[in-house]
Amino acid sequence: MNLLHLEYFYTVAKEGGYLRASEKLRIQQPAISRMVAQLEDYFGFKLFERLGRNVRLTEKGQEVFESCKRIFGEVEGLQMSLGKISGEAKGPLMIAAAEAISSHLLPGILSTFLAQRPKLYPNIFSGPASMLMKKMEEGDIELGLFFHIPDISDKLVIEKKIALPFRLVVRKDLKKDLSVLSSFIGSREIDDIGTRRFPTIEKMKARYPDVKIKISSNNLTAHKELVMQGLGVSILPEFLVHTELKNKELVDVLPGEEFQFSLKVLRRKNAILSLGSTQFLESLHSHLRA
């Protein structure tokens, strides 16, 4: 038995099957199967039982898996510490982010950040917060950047919250159209089906009592396009609509009202952040406070 046997077994267990483990490790499936079989021969008992195309840990396999989690947790901690030991940020920078953040905020920040750190290699994952948080729990992603998140598990913590300005906008030529002004484009209820409170709608009801959610999407770029098509109003981060407001294509629905929501930075509980992630957080905070 060596560490490679354990790594293959650990990956199959984490991914729930040999095919996904093969894709994760970029190694042919038969090679992984052989290594796991050798490990089972070494231990003298089965580690997995078949469930169709997937596998499930046996009782003894679960015990081995728990030991592997401790082993590879130490390996991961060492990998994260190497940059701090050498004093040079390098290697992968694993970030999960809401779509608007990954598409419209991160590119500008990374342009300056990476110019001074050429050995860093960002991997940016975008998608539903619940899916990305699961990958963070498993240690595949270091940092998560989201505006709205469902309840987080005890495996994750909010590292910091950064308040950002938002604008409640409508297409300029429709700013007096009550039908459009009463059609709110929602997003929170997509990522968290348990959402029951919508602060922006509550604030709008004083002026537009018939306002209700007419369209929902967790893609804020789509929100902006829906507003531009005259399909309703949306509350959007200022960095996403700055140009359209400046060009007077969009206007504020409630002029004078200030809206702020927090950008939440998530990380895995008790995890040691890599030097690259630590420096990225500093750069992110400086950029948003500038």
Protein backbone atom coordinates (compact mmCIF):
# COMPACT_ATOMS: atom_id res chain seq x y z
CA MET A 1 0.00 0.00 0.00
CA ASN A 2 1.17 3.52 -0.77
CA LEU A 3 -0.32 7.00 -0.83
CA LEU A 4 -1.42 6.63 -4.46
CA HIS A 5 -3.64 3.65 -3.58
CA LEU A 6 -5.29 5.73 -0.90
CA GLU A 7 -5.66 8.76 -3.17
CA TYR A 8 -7.50 6.74 -5.82
CA PHE A 9 -9.77 5.12 -3.23
CA TYR A 10 -10.42 8.51 -1.57
CA THR A 11 -11.35 10.12 -4.89
CA VAL A 12 -13.74 7.31 -5.86
CA ALA A 13 -15.42 7.63 -2.45
CA LYS A 14 -15.69 11.44 -2.68
CA GLU A 15 -16.99 11.42 -6.25
CA GLY A 16 -19.38 8.50 -5.70
CA GLY A 17 -18.14 6.37 -8.59
CA TYR A 18 -15.22 5.30 -10.77
CA LEU A 19 -16.25 7.32 -13.82
CA ARG A 20 -16.35 10.65 -11.98
CA ALA A 21 -13.11 9.76 -10.20
CA SER A 22 -11.55 9.09 -13.60
CA GLU A 23 -12.64 12.52 -14.82
CA LYS A 24 -11.40 14.16 -11.64
CA LEU A 25 -7.99 12.47 -11.68
CA ARG A 26 -7.71 12.43 -15.50
CA ILE A 27 -6.69 8.79 -15.33
CA GLN A 28 -8.24 5.83 -17.17
CA GLN A 29 -10.98 4.12 -15.18
CA PRO A 30 -9.44 0.60 -15.37
CA ALA A 31 -6.25 1.90 -13.74
CA ILE A 32 -8.25 3.30 -10.83
CA SER A 33 -10.22 0.07 -10.48
CA ARG A 34 -6.99 -1.94 -10.33
CA MET A 35 -5.53 0.30 -7.63
CA VAL A 36 -8.68 0.04 -5.50
CA ALA A 37 -8.74 -3.75 -5.99
CA GLN A 38 -5.10 -3.93 -4.85
CA LEU A 39 -5.99 -1.90 -1.77
CA GLU A 40 -8.91 -4.26 -0.99
CA ASP A 41 -6.54 -7.24 -1.34
CA TYR A 42 -4.12 -5.56 1.05
CA PHE A 43 -6.82 -4.91 3.67
CA GLY A 44 -8.60 -8.21 3.12
CA PHE A 45 -12.09 -6.71 2.83
CA LYS A 46 -14.30 -4.86 0.36
CA LEU A 47 -14.24 -1.07 0.41
CA PHE A 48 -17.22 -0.48 -1.90
CA GLU A 49 -20.50 -2.05 -2.86
CA ARG A 50 -22.10 -1.39 -6.23
CA LEU A 51 -25.23 0.76 -6.65
CA GLY A 52 -25.95 0.63 -10.37
CA ARG A 53 -23.29 2.79 -12.01
CA ASN A 54 -22.28 4.27 -8.67
CA VAL A 55 -20.67 2.85 -5.56
CA ARG A 56 -21.26 3.13 -1.83
CA LEU A 57 -18.75 2.65 0.96
CA THR A 58 -19.03 -0.50 3.05
CA GLU A 59 -18.92 -0.13 6.80
CA LYS A 60 -15.19 -0.87 6.89
CA GLY A 61 -14.68 1.25 3.78
CA GLN A 62 -16.20 4.20 5.66
CA GLU A 63 -13.63 3.76 8.44
CA VAL A 64 -10.81 3.83 5.87
CA PHE A 65 -12.37 6.88 4.23
CA GLU A 66 -12.44 8.79 7.54
CA SER A 67 -8.74 8.04 8.01
CA CYS A 68 -8.05 9.22 4.45
CA LYS A 69 -9.87 12.50 5.15
CA ARG A 70 -7.42 13.19 7.97
CA ILE A 71 -4.43 12.21 5.84
CA PHE A 72 -5.37 14.28 2.82
CA GLY A 73 -6.51 17.13 5.04
CA GLU A 74 -2.91 17.31 6.29
CA VAL A 75 -1.61 17.12 2.70
CA GLU A 76 -3.96 19.93 1.68
CA GLY A 77 -2.82 22.03 4.63
CA LEU A 78 0.80 21.51 3.60
CA GLN A 79 0.04 22.52 0.02
CA MET A 80 -1.66 25.69 1.22
CA SER A 81 1.29 26.51 3.47
CA LEU A 82 4.00 26.08 0.82
CA GLY A 83 3.39 29.49 -0.70
CA LYS A 84 3.58 31.12 2.71
CA ILE A 85 6.82 29.26 3.43
CA SER A 86 8.40 30.32 0.12
CA GLY A 87 6.85 33.79 0.27
CA GLU A 88 5.62 33.49 -3.33
CA ALA A 89 1.99 33.14 -4.40
CA LYS A 90 1.75 30.38 -6.99
CA GLY A 91 -0.37 27.47 -8.17
CA PRO A 92 -4.16 27.28 -8.52
CA LEU A 93 -6.42 29.93 -7.04
CA MET A 94 -9.80 28.22 -6.61
CA ILE A 95 -12.72 30.66 -6.47
CA ALA A 96 -16.47 30.13 -6.64
CA ALA A 97 -18.54 33.20 -7.48
CA ALA A 98 -22.04 34.27 -8.37
CA GLU A 99 -22.35 34.84 -12.12
CA ALA A 100 -22.38 38.67 -12.02
CA ILE A 101 -19.28 38.68 -9.82
CA SER A 102 -17.35 36.25 -12.01
CA SER A 103 -18.36 38.02 -15.25
CA HIS A 104 -18.28 41.70 -14.30
CA LEU A 105 -16.27 42.20 -11.10
CA LEU A 106 -13.45 39.65 -11.00
CA PRO A 107 -11.91 40.32 -14.46
CA GLY A 108 -10.92 43.88 -13.55
CA ILE A 109 -9.58 42.87 -10.14
CA LEU A 110 -7.61 39.91 -11.52
CA SER A 111 -6.08 42.01 -14.29
CA THR A 112 -4.11 44.06 -11.76
CA PHE A 113 -3.70 41.26 -9.23
CA LEU A 114 -2.18 38.71 -11.64
CA ALA A 115 0.21 41.19 -13.21
CA GLN A 116 2.23 40.99 -9.99
CA ARG A 117 1.71 37.23 -9.46
CA PRO A 118 2.40 35.47 -12.77
CA LYS A 119 2.67 32.02 -11.17
CA LEU A 120 -0.93 32.04 -9.92
CA TYR A 121 -3.50 30.17 -11.98
CA PRO A 122 -7.11 31.19 -11.19
CA ASN A 123 -9.93 28.65 -11.54
CA ILE A 124 -13.28 30.45 -11.37
CA PHE A 125 -16.43 28.38 -10.85
CA SER A 126 -19.85 29.93 -11.44
CA GLY A 127 -23.26 28.40 -10.79
CA PRO A 128 -25.94 27.98 -8.11
CA ALA A 129 -24.61 28.87 -4.65
CA SER A 130 -25.85 25.60 -3.14
CA MET A 131 -23.88 23.53 -5.69
CA LEU A 132 -20.69 25.57 -5.33
CA MET A 133 -20.88 25.52 -1.54
CA LYS A 134 -20.96 21.74 -1.66
CA LYS A 135 -17.68 21.77 -3.61
CA MET A 136 -16.24 24.13 -1.02
CA GLU A 137 -17.22 21.75 1.77
CA GLU A 138 -15.34 18.98 -0.02
CA GLY A 139 -12.21 21.13 -0.26
CA ASP A 140 -12.27 21.53 -4.05
CA ILE A 141 -12.69 25.33 -3.85
CA GLU A 142 -11.01 27.71 -1.38
CA LEU A 143 -13.12 30.87 -1.57
CA GLY A 144 -16.75 31.66 -2.39
CA LEU A 145 -18.09 35.10 -3.35
CA PHE A 146 -21.87 35.49 -3.21
CA PHE A 147 -24.51 38.15 -2.59
CA HIS A 148 -27.20 35.76 -1.38
CA ILE A 149 -26.61 32.32 0.06
CA PRO A 150 -28.85 29.65 1.55
CA ASP A 151 -28.10 28.52 5.10
CA ILE A 152 -24.48 27.39 5.28
CA SER A 153 -23.37 24.17 6.91
CA ASP A 154 -21.05 24.05 9.91
CA LYS A 155 -18.23 23.19 7.48
CA LEU A 156 -18.18 26.73 6.07
CA VAL A 157 -17.81 30.18 7.60
CA ILE A 158 -18.27 33.72 6.31
CA GLU A 159 -14.77 35.19 6.29
CA LYS A 160 -15.99 38.75 5.74
CA LYS A 161 -18.85 40.85 4.44
CA ILE A 162 -18.30 43.82 2.14
CA ALA A 163 -21.22 46.23 1.69
CA LEU A 164 -21.75 47.24 -1.96
CA PRO A 165 -24.19 49.75 -3.49
CA PHE A 166 -27.12 48.40 -5.53
CA ARG A 167 -29.55 50.23 -7.81
CA LEU A 168 -33.24 49.52 -8.38
CA VAL A 169 -33.54 50.20 -12.10
CA VAL A 170 -36.01 50.39 -14.97
CA ARG A 171 -35.61 51.30 -18.63
CA LYS A 172 -35.77 55.09 -18.91
CA ASP A 173 -38.65 55.28 -21.40
CA LEU A 174 -40.75 53.04 -19.11
CA LYS A 175 -40.20 54.90 -15.84
CA LYS A 176 -43.90 55.89 -15.68
CA ASP A 177 -45.36 52.59 -16.89
CA LEU A 178 -47.14 51.11 -13.86
CA SER A 179 -47.34 47.67 -15.43
CA VAL A 180 -43.55 47.52 -15.83
CA LEU A 181 -42.88 49.19 -12.47
CA SER A 182 -45.05 46.56 -10.73
CA SER A 183 -43.17 43.68 -12.37
CA PHE A 184 -40.22 42.72 -10.19
CA ILE A 185 -37.49 40.40 -11.46
CA GLY A 186 -36.44 38.21 -8.54
CA SER A 187 -33.37 36.09 -7.80
CA ARG A 188 -33.15 35.11 -4.10
CA GLU A 189 -35.89 32.50 -4.42
CA ILE A 190 -33.89 30.59 -7.05
CA ASP A 191 -30.87 29.85 -4.84
CA ASP A 192 -32.92 29.50 -1.67
CA ILE A 193 -36.43 28.15 -2.16
CA GLY A 194 -37.14 28.86 1.50
CA THR A 195 -36.91 32.62 0.96
CA ARG A 196 -40.06 34.36 2.14
CA ARG A 197 -38.89 37.95 2.72
CA PHE A 198 -38.01 40.37 -0.07
CA PRO A 199 -36.83 43.71 1.39
CA THR A 200 -36.77 45.56 -1.93
CA ILE A 201 -40.36 44.59 -2.77
CA GLU A 202 -41.46 45.63 0.73
CA LYS A 203 -39.88 49.04 0.17
CA MET A 204 -41.49 49.38 -3.28
CA LYS A 205 -45.01 48.60 -2.05
CA ALA A 206 -45.36 52.05 -0.47
CA ARG A 207 -45.40 53.54 -3.97
CA TYR A 208 -46.39 50.55 -6.11
CA PRO A 209 -48.79 48.42 -4.01
CA ASP A 210 -49.37 45.89 -6.82
CA VAL A 211 -45.69 45.02 -7.26
CA LYS A 212 -44.92 41.30 -7.33
CA ILE A 213 -42.32 38.92 -8.73
CA LYS A 214 -43.08 38.25 -12.39
CA ILE A 215 -39.80 36.63 -13.50
CA SER A 216 -37.06 34.87 -11.50
CA SER A 217 -33.44 34.14 -12.41
CA ASN A 218 -30.21 33.75 -10.45
CA ASN A 219 -28.27 35.23 -13.39
CA LEU A 220 -27.95 38.98 -12.80
CA THR A 221 -26.64 39.62 -16.30
CA ALA A 222 -29.93 38.16 -17.51
CA HIS A 223 -31.71 40.51 -15.09
CA LYS A 224 -30.12 43.50 -16.76
CA GLU A 225 -31.10 42.28 -20.22
CA LEU A 226 -34.67 41.60 -19.05
CA VAL A 227 -34.87 45.17 -17.76
CA MET A 228 -33.44 46.48 -21.03
CA GLN A 229 -36.17 44.54 -22.86
CA GLY A 230 -38.81 46.31 -20.79
CA LEU A 231 -39.95 43.25 -18.86
CA GLY A 232 -39.73 44.70 -15.38
CA VAL A 233 -37.50 46.25 -12.74
CA SER A 234 -34.56 44.72 -10.89
CA ILE A 235 -32.24 45.46 -7.99
CA LEU A 236 -28.69 45.12 -9.36
CA PRO A 237 -25.14 45.81 -8.14
CA GLU A 238 -24.00 49.25 -9.24
CA PHE A 239 -20.91 47.84 -10.96
CA LEU A 240 -23.22 45.91 -13.29
CA VAL A 241 -25.33 48.89 -14.44
CA HIS A 242 -22.90 51.79 -14.05
CA THR A 243 -22.53 52.34 -17.81
CA GLU A 244 -26.26 52.13 -18.54
CA LEU A 245 -27.05 54.62 -15.77
CA LYS A 246 -24.35 56.98 -17.00
CA ASN A 247 -25.73 56.76 -20.56
CA LYS A 248 -29.28 57.25 -19.19
CA GLU A 249 -30.51 53.99 -20.69
CA LEU A 250 -31.59 52.98 -17.19
CA VAL A 251 -32.89 55.14 -14.33
CA ASP A 252 -33.61 54.64 -10.64
CA VAL A 253 -37.11 53.45 -9.76
CA LEU A 254 -36.94 55.09 -6.31
CA PRO A 255 -34.65 58.12 -6.68
CA GLY A 256 -33.01 59.11 -3.42
CA GLU A 257 -33.33 55.64 -1.88
CA GLU A 258 -30.06 53.91 -1.05
CA PHE A 259 -29.70 50.16 -1.38
CA GLN A 260 -26.80 48.13 -0.04
CA PHE A 261 -26.22 44.40 0.07
CA SER A 262 -23.23 42.49 1.36
CA LEU A 263 -20.80 40.59 -0.78
CA LYS A 264 -20.15 37.53 1.38
CA VAL A 265 -16.75 35.84 1.28
CA LEU A 266 -16.95 32.17 2.30
CA ARG A 267 -14.22 29.71 3.15
CA ARG A 268 -14.00 26.25 4.64
CA LYS A 269 -13.99 26.20 8.43
CA ASN A 270 -10.54 25.63 9.99
CA ALA A 271 -8.91 25.56 6.54
CA ILE A 272 -5.54 27.26 6.05
CA LEU A 273 -5.86 29.68 3.15
CA SER A 274 -3.11 29.62 0.55
CA LEU A 275 -0.93 32.69 0.16
CA GLY A 276 -2.61 33.40 -3.18
CA SER A 277 -6.07 33.37 -1.60
CA THR A 278 -4.94 35.55 1.30
CA GLN A 279 -3.46 38.13 -1.07
CA PHE A 280 -6.49 37.96 -3.34
CA LEU A 281 -8.80 38.79 -0.43
CA GLU A 282 -6.65 41.80 0.41
CA SER A 283 -6.77 42.95 -3.21
CA LEU A 284 -10.54 42.40 -3.42
CA HIS A 285 -11.16 44.44 -0.27
CA SER A 286 -8.90 47.28 -1.44
CA HIS A 287 -10.56 47.39 -4.86
CA LEU A 288 -14.09 47.53 -3.47
CA ARG A 289 -13.20 50.15 -0.86
CA ALA A 290 -11.41 52.39 -3.40
